[in-house]
Amino acid sequence: MNNRLDFNKELLHLYLQSEMSQLEFAENTRQSASSINHWLNNHQRMSYDKFVDVCDNLNIKLTIKIE
């Protein structure tokens, strides 16, 4: 079983909560609109570093549980 966190799913959750268009979301997270689109549609896997950047730009504090 793969226990890796799916950052694309987490990004989709953040995006849906934001109630922004993809372009607004891209601008607010300082990511390219094409990258946001690829990540949201699972055409490209999002890296941990990019996920952290997005969260930082949205002022979201990450807490990670390590088992």
Protein backbone atom coordinates (compact mmCIF):
# COMPACT_ATOMS: atom_id res chain seq x y z
CA MET A 1 0.00 0.00 0.00
CA ASN A 2 1.28 3.48 -0.88
CA ASN A 3 1.08 5.89 2.08
CA ARG A 4 2.44 8.91 0.22
CA LEU A 5 0.37 12.04 0.57
CA ASP A 6 -1.34 12.97 -2.67
CA PHE A 7 -0.58 16.68 -2.97
CA ASN A 8 -2.84 17.01 -6.01
CA LYS A 9 -5.84 15.95 -3.90
CA GLU A 10 -4.84 18.35 -1.15
CA LEU A 11 -4.46 21.16 -3.68
CA LEU A 12 -7.92 20.42 -5.08
CA HIS A 13 -9.33 20.65 -1.56
CA LEU A 14 -7.65 24.04 -1.01
CA TYR A 15 -8.81 25.26 -4.41
CA LEU A 16 -12.44 24.28 -3.84
CA GLN A 17 -12.45 25.97 -0.43
CA SER A 18 -11.01 29.16 -1.89
CA GLU A 19 -14.01 29.78 -4.20
CA MET A 20 -11.63 31.45 -6.70
CA SER A 21 -11.26 30.90 -10.42
CA GLN A 22 -8.19 28.91 -11.46
CA LEU A 23 -6.56 32.11 -12.69
CA GLU A 24 -7.21 33.92 -9.39
CA PHE A 25 -5.95 30.89 -7.48
CA ALA A 26 -2.79 30.79 -9.61
CA GLU A 27 -2.17 34.51 -9.04
CA ASN A 28 -2.75 34.23 -5.28
CA THR A 29 -0.44 31.23 -4.98
CA ARG A 30 2.19 32.71 -7.32
CA GLN A 31 2.11 29.65 -9.55
CA SER A 32 1.53 29.53 -13.29
CA ALA A 33 -2.06 29.03 -14.37
CA SER A 34 -0.99 26.08 -16.53
CA SER A 35 0.69 24.35 -13.55
CA ILE A 36 -2.42 24.83 -11.40
CA ASN A 37 -4.55 23.40 -14.20
CA HIS A 38 -2.25 20.38 -14.66
CA TRP A 39 -2.19 19.67 -10.92
CA LEU A 40 -5.95 20.05 -10.46
CA ASN A 41 -6.65 17.74 -13.39
CA ASN A 42 -4.00 15.18 -12.38
CA HIS A 43 -2.03 15.65 -15.59
CA GLN A 44 1.12 16.32 -13.60
CA ARG A 45 2.11 15.24 -10.12
CA MET A 46 2.64 18.07 -7.66
CA SER A 47 5.86 18.03 -5.63
CA TYR A 48 6.06 18.57 -1.89
CA ASP A 49 8.09 21.76 -2.40
CA LYS A 50 5.44 23.27 -4.69
CA PHE A 51 2.71 22.31 -2.21
CA VAL A 52 4.60 24.07 0.58
CA ASP A 53 5.00 27.16 -1.66
CA VAL A 54 1.27 27.22 -2.37
CA CYS A 55 0.43 26.91 1.32
CA ASP A 56 2.90 29.64 2.25
CA ASN A 57 1.41 31.98 -0.33
CA LEU A 58 -2.10 31.28 1.02
CA ASN A 59 -0.85 31.80 4.62
CA ILE A 60 -1.66 28.21 5.56
CA LYS A 61 0.48 26.68 8.28
CA LEU A 62 1.32 23.04 7.58
CA THR A 63 1.46 20.43 10.28
CA ILE A 64 2.83 17.08 9.30
CA LYS A 65 2.38 13.93 11.34
CA ILE A 66 5.28 11.50 11.01
CA GLU A 67 4.68 7.93 12.12
